[in-house]
């Protein structure tokens, strides 16, 4: 694009069953990239275990699982100008994080 830069902002991102299949540093970089494209007030929904640590490989992908855990996700979001506005655990023990860009 001959010297022009394209700026993209979006209203929301859903990352279902993804974050915890990435290394810890990749998860933090992903949060940064998402925060970079979310418009003010934009929302992020992602799933990851509430507890921190490693878990057995994912049955669908065979990839190792790693969760930063609630407190580290909260800190990572806040460091990128986002607020953790809520969480939810469903009957299948899936944990949801709801964040919003400030």
PDB file of N, CA and C in Angstrom:
ATOM      1  N   UNK A   1       0.833  -1.191   0.000  1.00  0.00           N
ATOM      2  CA  UNK A   1       0.000   0.000   0.000  1.00  0.00           C
ATOM      3  C   UNK A   1       0.869   1.243   0.000  1.00  0.00           C
ATOM      4  N   UNK A   2       1.607   1.491  -0.924  1.00  0.00           N
ATOM      5  CA  UNK A   2       2.455   2.659  -1.174  1.00  0.00           C
ATOM      6  C   UNK A   2       2.506   3.701  -0.057  1.00  0.00           C
ATOM      7  N   UNK A   3       3.184   3.353   1.035  1.00  0.00           N
ATOM      8  CA  UNK A   3       3.433   4.330   2.093  1.00  0.00           C
ATOM      9  C   UNK A   3       2.283   4.565   3.051  1.00  0.00           C
ATOM     10  N   UNK A   4       1.151   3.947   2.841  1.00  0.00           N
ATOM     11  CA  UNK A   4       0.014   4.109   3.743  1.00  0.00           C
ATOM     12  C   UNK A   4      -0.059   2.917   4.678  1.00  0.00           C
ATOM     13  N   UNK A   5      -0.426   3.202   5.914  1.00  0.00           N
ATOM     14  CA  UNK A   5      -0.563   2.127   6.880  1.00  0.00           C
ATOM     15  C   UNK A   5      -2.045   1.894   7.143  1.00  0.00           C
ATOM     16  N   UNK A   6      -2.468   0.656   7.138  1.00  0.00           N
ATOM     17  CA  UNK A   6      -3.846   0.293   7.382  1.00  0.00           C
ATOM     18  C   UNK A   6      -4.044   0.113   8.882  1.00  0.00           C
ATOM     19  N   UNK A   7      -5.009   0.795   9.439  1.00  0.00           N
ATOM     20  CA  UNK A   7      -5.328   0.663  10.857  1.00  0.00           C
ATOM     21  C   UNK A   7      -6.616  -0.113  10.984  1.00  0.00           C
ATOM     22  N   UNK A   8      -6.603  -1.147  11.757  1.00  0.00           N
ATOM     23  CA  UNK A   8      -7.754  -1.997  11.953  1.00  0.00           C
ATOM     24  C   UNK A   8      -8.113  -2.006  13.428  1.00  0.00           C
ATOM     25  N   UNK A   9      -9.356  -1.733  13.729  1.00  0.00           N
ATOM     26  CA  UNK A   9      -9.838  -1.933  15.096  1.00  0.00           C
ATOM     27  C   UNK A   9     -11.093  -2.781  15.015  1.00  0.00           C
ATOM     28  N   UNK A  10     -11.294  -3.590  16.023  1.00  0.00           N
ATOM     29  CA  UNK A  10     -12.444  -4.481  16.032  1.00  0.00           C
ATOM     30  C   UNK A  10     -13.169  -4.363  17.365  1.00  0.00           C
ATOM     31  N   UNK A  11     -14.429  -4.806  17.365  1.00  0.00           N
ATOM     32  CA  UNK A  11     -15.278  -4.718  18.556  1.00  0.00           C
ATOM     33  C   UNK A  11     -15.046  -5.847  19.547  1.00  0.00           C
ATOM     34  N   UNK A  12     -14.691  -7.024  19.048  1.00  0.00           N
ATOM     35  CA  UNK A  12     -14.564  -8.150  19.961  1.00  0.00           C
ATOM     36  C   UNK A  12     -13.781  -9.302  19.379  1.00  0.00           C
ATOM     37  N   UNK A  13     -13.266 -10.126  20.286  1.00  0.00           N
ATOM     38  CA  UNK A  13     -12.493 -11.313  19.929  1.00  0.00           C
ATOM     39  C   UNK A  13     -12.974 -12.462  20.812  1.00  0.00           C
ATOM     40  N   UNK A  14     -13.165 -13.627  20.196  1.00  0.00           N
ATOM     41  CA  UNK A  14     -13.482 -14.855  20.924  1.00  0.00           C
ATOM     42  C   UNK A  14     -12.351 -15.837  20.672  1.00  0.00           C
ATOM     43  N   UNK A  15     -11.751 -16.322  21.743  1.00  0.00           N
ATOM     44  CA  UNK A  15     -10.670 -17.313  21.646  1.00  0.00           C
ATOM     45  C   UNK A  15     -11.071 -18.509  22.509  1.00  0.00           C
ATOM     46  N   UNK A  16     -11.848 -19.376  21.931  1.00  0.00           N
ATOM     47  CA  UNK A  16     -12.408 -20.529  22.641  1.00  0.00           C
ATOM     48  C   UNK A  16     -11.476 -21.717  22.482  1.00  0.00           C
ATOM     49  N   UNK A  17     -10.975 -22.245  23.595  1.00  0.00           N
ATOM     50  CA  UNK A  17     -10.141 -23.432  23.542  1.00  0.00           C
ATOM     51  C   UNK A  17      -8.792 -23.217  22.878  1.00  0.00           C
ATOM     52  N   UNK A  18      -8.243 -22.014  22.968  1.00  0.00           N
ATOM     53  CA  UNK A  18      -7.006 -21.685  22.275  1.00  0.00           C
ATOM     54  C   UNK A  18      -5.879 -21.293  23.229  1.00  0.00           C
ATOM     55  N   UNK A  19      -6.121 -20.337  24.110  1.00  0.00           N
ATOM     56  CA  UNK A  19      -5.055 -19.759  24.923  1.00  0.00           C
ATOM     57  C   UNK A  19      -4.192 -20.816  25.594  1.00  0.00           C
ATOM     58  N   UNK A  20      -4.806 -21.759  26.270  1.00  0.00           N
ATOM     59  CA  UNK A  20      -4.064 -22.725  27.078  1.00  0.00           C
ATOM     60  C   UNK A  20      -3.324 -23.769  26.250  1.00  0.00           C
ATOM     61  N   UNK A  21      -3.443 -23.706  24.909  1.00  0.00           N
ATOM     62  CA  UNK A  21      -2.666 -24.588  24.040  1.00  0.00           C
ATOM     63  C   UNK A  21      -1.393 -23.909  23.549  1.00  0.00           C
ATOM     64  N   UNK A  22      -1.152 -22.695  24.029  1.00  0.00           N
ATOM     65  CA  UNK A  22       0.023 -21.912  23.643  1.00  0.00           C
ATOM     66  C   UNK A  22       0.971 -21.782  24.828  1.00  0.00           C
ATOM     67  N   UNK A  23       2.261 -21.610  24.553  1.00  0.00           N
ATOM     68  CA  UNK A  23       3.235 -21.374  25.618  1.00  0.00           C
ATOM     69  C   UNK A  23       2.890 -20.096  26.367  1.00  0.00           C
ATOM     70  N   UNK A  24       3.364 -19.977  27.595  1.00  0.00           N
ATOM     71  CA  UNK A  24       3.047 -18.825  28.438  1.00  0.00           C
ATOM     72  C   UNK A  24       3.401 -17.502  27.754  1.00  0.00           C
ATOM     73  N   UNK A  25       4.580 -17.412  27.173  1.00  0.00           N
ATOM     74  CA  UNK A  25       5.001 -16.162  26.539  1.00  0.00           C
ATOM     75  C   UNK A  25       4.149 -15.859  25.305  1.00  0.00           C
ATOM     76  N   UNK A  26       3.765 -16.875  24.573  1.00  0.00           N
ATOM     77  CA  UNK A  26       2.912 -16.689  23.399  1.00  0.00           C
ATOM     78  C   UNK A  26       1.528 -16.194  23.843  1.00  0.00           C
ATOM     79  N   UNK A  27       1.031 -16.708  24.965  1.00  0.00           N
ATOM     80  CA  UNK A  27      -0.248 -16.233  25.492  1.00  0.00           C
ATOM     81  C   UNK A  27      -0.175 -14.736  25.813  1.00  0.00           C
ATOM     82  N   UNK A  28       0.908 -14.324  26.435  1.00  0.00           N
ATOM     83  CA  UNK A  28       1.068 -12.901  26.771  1.00  0.00           C
ATOM     84  C   UNK A  28       1.167 -12.039  25.502  1.00  0.00           C
ATOM     85  N   UNK A  29       1.876 -12.530  24.501  1.00  0.00           N
ATOM     86  CA  UNK A  29       1.971 -11.785  23.230  1.00  0.00           C
ATOM     87  C   UNK A  29       0.625 -11.718  22.528  1.00  0.00           C
ATOM     88  N   UNK A  30      -0.146 -12.786  22.617  1.00  0.00           N
ATOM     89  CA  UNK A  30      -1.474 -12.796  22.015  1.00  0.00           C
ATOM     90  C   UNK A  30      -2.382 -11.770  22.686  1.00  0.00           C
ATOM     91  N   UNK A  31      -2.332 -11.689  24.006  1.00  0.00           N
ATOM     92  CA  UNK A  31      -3.121 -10.681  24.726  1.00  0.00           C
ATOM     93  C   UNK A  31      -2.722  -9.286  24.255  1.00  0.00           C
ATOM     94  N   UNK A  32      -1.423  -9.044  24.099  1.00  0.00           N
ATOM     95  CA  UNK A  32      -0.943  -7.743  23.634  1.00  0.00           C
ATOM     96  C   UNK A  32      -1.464  -7.429  22.233  1.00  0.00           C
ATOM     97  N   UNK A  33      -1.395  -8.401  21.335  1.00  0.00           N
ATOM     98  CA  UNK A  33      -1.876  -8.188  19.960  1.00  0.00           C
ATOM     99  C   UNK A  33      -3.376  -7.937  19.925  1.00  0.00           C
ATOM    100  N   UNK A  34      -4.129  -8.698  20.698  1.00  0.00           N
ATOM    101  CA  UNK A  34      -5.579  -8.489  20.745  1.00  0.00           C
ATOM    102  C   UNK A  34      -5.896  -7.104  21.286  1.00  0.00           C
ATOM    103  N   UNK A  35      -5.236  -6.711  22.372  1.00  0.00           N
ATOM    104  CA  UNK A  35      -5.464  -5.380  22.938  1.00  0.00           C
ATOM    105  C   UNK A  35      -5.126  -4.291  21.926  1.00  0.00           C
ATOM    106  N   UNK A  36      -4.144  -4.555  21.077  1.00  0.00           N
ATOM    107  CA  UNK A  36      -3.726  -3.581  20.080  1.00  0.00           C
ATOM    108  C   UNK A  36      -4.748  -3.334  18.983  1.00  0.00           C
ATOM    109  N   UNK A  37      -5.613  -4.311  18.729  1.00  0.00           N
ATOM    110  CA  UNK A  37      -6.617  -4.126  17.663  1.00  0.00           C
ATOM    111  C   UNK A  37      -8.020  -3.865  18.204  1.00  0.00           C
ATOM    112  N   UNK A  38      -8.241  -4.109  19.493  1.00  0.00           N
ATOM    113  CA  UNK A  38      -9.561  -3.821  20.052  1.00  0.00           C
ATOM    114  C   UNK A  38      -9.763  -2.319  20.184  1.00  0.00           C
ATOM    115  N   UNK A  39     -10.928  -1.862  19.778  1.00  0.00           N
ATOM    116  CA  UNK A  39     -11.239  -0.455  19.984  1.00  0.00           C
ATOM    117  C   UNK A  39     -11.567  -0.241  21.455  1.00  0.00           C
ATOM    118  N   UNK A  40     -11.569   0.996  21.897  1.00  0.00           N
ATOM    119  CA  UNK A  40     -11.933   1.318  23.272  1.00  0.00           C
ATOM    120  C   UNK A  40     -13.318   0.754  23.557  1.00  0.00           C
ATOM    121  N   UNK A  41     -13.441   0.019  24.633  1.00  0.00           N
ATOM    122  CA  UNK A  41     -14.699  -0.635  24.965  1.00  0.00           C
ATOM    123  C   UNK A  41     -14.849  -2.005  24.336  1.00  0.00           C
ATOM    124  N   UNK A  42     -13.900  -2.397  23.460  1.00  0.00           N
ATOM    125  CA  UNK A  42     -13.944  -3.703  22.822  1.00  0.00           C
ATOM    126  C   UNK A  42     -13.793  -4.816  23.843  1.00  0.00           C
ATOM    127  N   UNK A  43     -14.303  -5.983  23.504  1.00  0.00           N
ATOM    128  CA  UNK A  43     -14.345  -7.089  24.458  1.00  0.00           C
ATOM    129  C   UNK A  43     -13.586  -8.315  23.964  1.00  0.00           C
ATOM    130  N   UNK A  44     -13.085  -9.054  24.922  1.00  0.00           N
ATOM    131  CA  UNK A  44     -12.388 -10.314  24.674  1.00  0.00           C
ATOM    132  C   UNK A  44     -13.027 -11.390  25.539  1.00  0.00           C
ATOM    133  N   UNK A  45     -13.368 -12.510  24.940  1.00  0.00           N
ATOM    134  CA  UNK A  45     -13.819 -13.699  25.655  1.00  0.00           C
ATOM    135  C   UNK A  45     -12.828 -14.798  25.334  1.00  0.00           C
ATOM    136  N   UNK A  46     -12.235 -15.404  26.377  1.00  0.00           N
ATOM    137  CA  UNK A  46     -11.371 -16.560  26.138  1.00  0.00           C
ATOM    138  C   UNK A  46     -11.574 -17.585  27.238  1.00  0.00           C
ATOM    139  N   UNK A  47     -11.201 -18.810  26.929  1.00  0.00           N
ATOM    140  CA  UNK A  47     -11.303 -19.897  27.888  1.00  0.00           C
ATOM    141  C   UNK A  47      -9.904 -20.369  28.266  1.00  0.00           C
ATOM    142  N   UNK A  48      -9.740 -20.668  29.532  1.00  0.00           N
ATOM    143  CA  UNK A  48      -8.485 -21.209  30.065  1.00  0.00           C
ATOM    144  C   UNK A  48      -8.749 -21.629  31.506  1.00  0.00           C
ATOM    145  N   UNK A  49      -8.035 -22.636  32.000  1.00  0.00           N
ATOM    146  CA  UNK A  49      -8.230 -23.030  33.389  1.00  0.00           C
ATOM    147  C   UNK A  49      -7.967 -21.874  34.354  1.00  0.00           C
ATOM    148  N   UNK A  50      -8.702 -21.862  35.446  1.00  0.00           N
ATOM    149  CA  UNK A  50      -8.539 -20.861  36.489  1.00  0.00           C
ATOM    150  C   UNK A  50      -7.230 -21.077  37.255  1.00  0.00           C
ATOM    151  N   UNK A  51      -6.813 -22.319  37.353  1.00  0.00           N
ATOM    152  CA  UNK A  51      -5.591 -22.676  38.075  1.00  0.00           C
ATOM    153  C   UNK A  51      -4.397 -22.516  37.139  1.00  0.00           C
ATOM    154  N   UNK A  52      -3.248 -22.152  37.698  1.00  0.00           N
ATOM    155  CA  UNK A  52      -2.043 -22.041  36.879  1.00  0.00           C
ATOM    156  C   UNK A  52      -1.325 -23.392  36.838  1.00  0.00           C
ATOM    157  N   UNK A  53      -0.592 -23.608  35.758  1.00  0.00           N
ATOM    158  CA  UNK A  53       0.224 -24.805  35.663  1.00  0.00           C
ATOM    159  C   UNK A  53       0.023 -25.556  34.367  1.00  0.00           C
ATOM    160  N   UNK A  54       0.706 -26.694  34.280  1.00  0.00           N
ATOM    161  CA  UNK A  54       0.640 -27.560  33.110  1.00  0.00           C
ATOM    162  C   UNK A  54      -0.421 -28.630  33.326  1.00  0.00           C
ATOM    163  N   UNK A  55      -1.022 -29.050  32.229  1.00  0.00           N
ATOM    164  CA  UNK A  55      -2.060 -30.060  32.277  1.00  0.00           C
ATOM    165  C   UNK A  55      -1.757 -31.107  31.210  1.00  0.00           C
ATOM    166  N   UNK A  56      -2.390 -32.290  31.289  1.00  0.00           N
ATOM    167  CA  UNK A  56      -2.143 -33.320  30.273  1.00  0.00           C
ATOM    168  C   UNK A  56      -2.455 -32.792  28.874  1.00  0.00           C
ATOM    169  N   UNK A  57      -1.872 -33.396  27.852  1.00  0.00           N
ATOM    170  CA  UNK A  57      -2.121 -32.943  26.482  1.00  0.00           C
ATOM    171  C   UNK A  57      -3.610 -32.905  26.141  1.00  0.00           C
ATOM    172  N   UNK A  58      -3.983 -31.941  25.324  1.00  0.00           N
ATOM    173  CA  UNK A  58      -5.348 -31.786  24.852  1.00  0.00           C
ATOM    174  C   UNK A  58      -5.746 -33.018  24.045  1.00  0.00           C
ATOM    175  N   UNK A  59      -6.924 -33.580  24.300  1.00  0.00           N
ATOM    176  CA  UNK A  59      -7.339 -34.813  23.627  1.00  0.00           C
ATOM    177  C   UNK A  59      -7.601 -34.601  22.140  1.00  0.00           C
ATOM    178  N   UNK A  60      -8.002 -33.395  21.734  1.00  0.00           N
ATOM    179  CA  UNK A  60      -8.308 -33.154  20.323  1.00  0.00           C
ATOM    180  C   UNK A  60      -7.061 -32.836  19.501  1.00  0.00           C
ATOM    181  N   UNK A  61      -6.101 -32.134  20.094  1.00  0.00           N
ATOM    182  CA  UNK A  61      -4.936 -31.682  19.326  1.00  0.00           C
ATOM    183  C   UNK A  61      -3.647 -32.391  19.707  1.00  0.00           C
ATOM    184  N   UNK A  62      -3.607 -32.985  20.902  1.00  0.00           N
ATOM    185  CA  UNK A  62      -2.387 -33.601  21.389  1.00  0.00           C
ATOM    186  C   UNK A  62      -1.368 -32.600  21.906  1.00  0.00           C
ATOM    187  N   UNK A  63      -1.719 -31.305  21.850  1.00  0.00           N
ATOM    188  CA  UNK A  63      -0.797 -30.255  22.308  1.00  0.00           C
ATOM    189  C   UNK A  63      -0.770 -30.194  23.831  1.00  0.00           C
ATOM    190  N   UNK A  64       0.394 -29.855  24.405  1.00  0.00           N
ATOM    191  CA  UNK A  64       0.444 -29.653  25.856  1.00  0.00           C
ATOM    192  C   UNK A  64      -0.419 -28.459  26.235  1.00  0.00           C
ATOM    193  N   UNK A  65      -0.929 -28.494  27.450  1.00  0.00           N
ATOM    194  CA  UNK A  65      -1.777 -27.409  27.938  1.00  0.00           C
ATOM    195  C   UNK A  65      -1.075 -26.682  29.074  1.00  0.00           C
ATOM    196  N   UNK A  66      -1.191 -25.355  29.060  1.00  0.00           N
ATOM    197  CA  UNK A  66      -0.600 -24.553  30.126  1.00  0.00           C
ATOM    198  C   UNK A  66      -1.488 -23.348  30.394  1.00  0.00           C
ATOM    199  N   UNK A  67      -1.822 -23.137  31.644  1.00  0.00           N
ATOM    200  CA  UNK A  67      -2.631 -21.991  32.038  1.00  0.00           C
ATOM    201  C   UNK A  67      -1.799 -21.044  32.886  1.00  0.00           C
ATOM    202  N   UNK A  68      -1.902 -19.750  32.578  1.00  0.00           N
ATOM    203  CA  UNK A  68      -1.261 -18.745  33.430  1.00  0.00           C
ATOM    204  C   UNK A  68      -1.975 -18.650  34.771  1.00  0.00           C
ATOM    205  N   UNK A  69      -3.249 -19.000  34.806  1.00  0.00           N
ATOM    206  CA  UNK A  69      -4.052 -18.898  36.022  1.00  0.00           C
ATOM    207  C   UNK A  69      -4.691 -17.526  36.139  1.00  0.00           C
ATOM    208  N   UNK A  70      -5.743 -17.475  36.930  1.00  0.00           N
ATOM    209  CA  UNK A  70      -6.559 -16.272  37.064  1.00  0.00           C
ATOM    210  C   UNK A  70      -5.740 -15.003  37.303  1.00  0.00           C
ATOM    211  N   UNK A  71      -4.902 -15.020  38.312  1.00  0.00           N
ATOM    212  CA  UNK A  71      -4.177 -13.800  38.704  1.00  0.00           C
ATOM    213  C   UNK A  71      -3.231 -13.314  37.609  1.00  0.00           C
ATOM    214  N   UNK A  72      -2.522 -14.229  36.950  1.00  0.00           N
ATOM    215  CA  UNK A  72      -1.597 -13.834  35.884  1.00  0.00           C
ATOM    216  C   UNK A  72      -2.340 -13.357  34.637  1.00  0.00           C
ATOM    217  N   UNK A  73      -3.490 -13.975  34.332  1.00  0.00           N
ATOM    218  CA  UNK A  73      -4.288 -13.465  33.213  1.00  0.00           C
ATOM    219  C   UNK A  73      -4.767 -12.047  33.524  1.00  0.00           C
ATOM    220  N   UNK A  74      -5.219 -11.837  34.746  1.00  0.00           N
ATOM    221  CA  UNK A  74      -5.679 -10.498  35.137  1.00  0.00           C
ATOM    222  C   UNK A  74      -4.554  -9.474  34.980  1.00  0.00           C
ATOM    223  N   UNK A  75      -3.378  -9.803  35.454  1.00  0.00           N
ATOM    224  CA  UNK A  75      -2.231  -8.893  35.354  1.00  0.00           C
ATOM    225  C   UNK A  75      -1.847  -8.645  33.894  1.00  0.00           C
ATOM    226  N   UNK A  76      -1.831  -9.703  33.081  1.00  0.00           N
ATOM    227  CA  UNK A  76      -1.467  -9.559  31.667  1.00  0.00           C
ATOM    228  C   UNK A  76      -2.468  -8.668  30.941  1.00  0.00           C
ATOM    229  N   UNK A  77      -3.740  -8.839  31.219  1.00  0.00           N
ATOM    230  CA  UNK A  77      -4.768  -8.001  30.603  1.00  0.00           C
ATOM    231  C   UNK A  77      -4.604  -6.545  31.024  1.00  0.00           C
ATOM    232  N   UNK A  78      -4.445  -6.316  32.319  1.00  0.00           N
ATOM    233  CA  UNK A  78      -4.306  -4.948  32.831  1.00  0.00           C
ATOM    234  C   UNK A  78      -3.071  -4.259  32.273  1.00  0.00           C
ATOM    235  N   UNK A  79      -1.983  -5.003  32.086  1.00  0.00           N
ATOM    236  CA  UNK A  79      -0.759  -4.389  31.563  1.00  0.00           C
ATOM    237  C   UNK A  79      -0.937  -3.928  30.123  1.00  0.00           C
ATOM    238  N   UNK A  80      -1.976  -4.432  29.440  1.00  0.00           N
ATOM    239  CA  UNK A  80      -2.250  -4.051  28.055  1.00  0.00           C
ATOM    240  C   UNK A  80      -3.475  -3.148  27.937  1.00  0.00           C
ATOM    241  N   UNK A  81      -3.883  -2.546  29.071  1.00  0.00           N
ATOM    242  CA  UNK A  81      -4.998  -1.596  29.036  1.00  0.00           C
ATOM    243  C   UNK A  81      -6.368  -2.235  28.992  1.00  0.00           C
ATOM    244  N   UNK A  82      -6.441  -3.460  29.487  1.00  0.00           N
ATOM    245  CA  UNK A  82      -7.728  -4.163  29.521  1.00  0.00           C
ATOM    246  C   UNK A  82      -8.095  -4.478  30.959  1.00  0.00           C
ATOM    247  N   UNK A  83      -9.374  -4.655  31.183  1.00  0.00           N
ATOM    248  CA  UNK A  83      -9.868  -4.979  32.513  1.00  0.00           C
ATOM    249  C   UNK A  83     -10.575  -6.318  32.479  1.00  0.00           C
ATOM    250  N   UNK A  84     -10.270  -7.179  33.438  1.00  0.00           N
ATOM    251  CA  UNK A  84     -10.981  -8.444  33.569  1.00  0.00           C
ATOM    252  C   UNK A  84     -12.305  -8.124  34.254  1.00  0.00           C
ATOM    253  N   UNK A  85     -13.400  -8.188  33.506  1.00  0.00           N
ATOM    254  CA  UNK A  85     -14.695  -7.754  34.032  1.00  0.00           C
ATOM    255  C   UNK A  85     -15.532  -8.902  34.576  1.00  0.00           C
ATOM    256  N   UNK A  86     -15.116 -10.142  34.346  1.00  0.00           N
ATOM    257  CA  UNK A  86     -15.864 -11.255  34.895  1.00  0.00           C
ATOM    258  C   UNK A  86     -15.303 -12.589  34.474  1.00  0.00           C
ATOM    259  N   UNK A  87     -15.732 -13.618  35.192  1.00  0.00           N
ATOM    260  CA  UNK A  87     -15.383 -14.993  34.858  1.00  0.00           C
ATOM    261  C   UNK A  87     -16.621 -15.852  35.067  1.00  0.00           C
ATOM    262  N   UNK A  88     -16.582 -17.034  34.504  1.00  0.00           N
ATOM    263  CA  UNK A  88     -17.696 -17.968  34.656  1.00  0.00           C
ATOM    264  C   UNK A  88     -17.154 -19.384  34.509  1.00  0.00           C
ATOM    265  N   UNK A  89     -17.671 -20.299  35.302  1.00  0.00           N
ATOM    266  CA  UNK A  89     -17.343 -21.725  35.164  1.00  0.00           C
ATOM    267  C   UNK A  89     -18.658 -22.448  34.887  1.00  0.00           C
ATOM    268  N   UNK A  90     -18.701 -23.201  33.786  1.00  0.00           N
ATOM    269  CA  UNK A  90     -19.944 -23.884  33.444  1.00  0.00           C
ATOM    270  C   UNK A  90     -19.984 -25.287  34.053  1.00  0.00           C
ATOM    271  N   UNK A  91     -21.070 -25.998  33.810  1.00  0.00           N
ATOM    272  CA  UNK A  91     -21.257 -27.325  34.402  1.00  0.00           C
ATOM    273  C   UNK A  91     -20.232 -28.332  33.902  1.00  0.00           C
ATOM    274  N   UNK A  92     -19.579 -28.064  32.771  1.00  0.00           N
ATOM    275  CA  UNK A  92     -18.526 -28.937  32.253  1.00  0.00           C
ATOM    276  C   UNK A  92     -17.147 -28.565  32.767  1.00  0.00           C
ATOM    277  N   UNK A  93     -17.085 -27.644  33.748  1.00  0.00           N
ATOM    278  CA  UNK A  93     -15.836 -27.182  34.361  1.00  0.00           C
ATOM    279  C   UNK A  93     -14.988 -26.338  33.416  1.00  0.00           C
ATOM    280  N   UNK A  94     -15.582 -25.789  32.353  1.00  0.00           N
ATOM    281  CA  UNK A  94     -14.875 -24.859  31.473  1.00  0.00           C
ATOM    282  C   UNK A  94     -14.886 -23.483  32.130  1.00  0.00           C
ATOM    283  N   UNK A  95     -13.743 -22.800  32.082  1.00  0.00           N
ATOM    284  CA  UNK A  95     -13.613 -21.496  32.724  1.00  0.00           C
ATOM    285  C   UNK A  95     -13.509 -20.406  31.657  1.00  0.00           C
ATOM    286  N   UNK A  96     -14.352 -19.394  31.770  1.00  0.00           N
ATOM    287  CA  UNK A  96     -14.435 -18.309  30.807  1.00  0.00           C
ATOM    288  C   UNK A  96     -13.927 -17.017  31.443  1.00  0.00           C
ATOM    289  N   UNK A  97     -13.167 -16.256  30.685  1.00  0.00           N
ATOM    290  CA  UNK A  97     -12.686 -14.946  31.102  1.00  0.00           C
ATOM    291  C   UNK A  97     -13.323 -13.892  30.182  1.00  0.00           C
ATOM    292  N   UNK A  98     -13.873 -12.848  30.781  1.00  0.00           N
ATOM    293  CA  UNK A  98     -14.483 -11.755  30.036  1.00  0.00           C
ATOM    294  C   UNK A  98     -13.668 -10.487  30.316  1.00  0.00           C
ATOM    295  N   UNK A  99     -13.089  -9.891  29.278  1.00  0.00           N
ATOM    296  CA  UNK A  99     -12.258  -8.702  29.451  1.00  0.00           C
ATOM    297  C   UNK A  99     -12.760  -7.605  28.536  1.00  0.00           C
ATOM    298  N   UNK A 100     -12.447  -6.375  28.914  1.00  0.00           N
ATOM    299  CA  UNK A 100     -12.838  -5.207  28.107  1.00  0.00           C
ATOM    300  C   UNK A 100     -11.685  -4.223  28.061  1.00  0.00           C
ATOM    301  N   UNK A 101     -11.476  -3.650  26.866  1.00  0.00           N
ATOM    302  CA  UNK A 101     -10.435  -2.641  26.719  1.00  0.00           C
ATOM    303  C   UNK A 101     -10.936  -1.335  27.298  1.00  0.00           C
ATOM    304  N   UNK A 102     -10.088  -0.720  28.121  1.00  0.00           N
ATOM    305  CA  UNK A 102     -10.483   0.540  28.761  1.00  0.00           C
ATOM    306  C   UNK A 102     -10.338   1.702  27.813  1.00  0.00           C
TER     307      UNK A 102
END
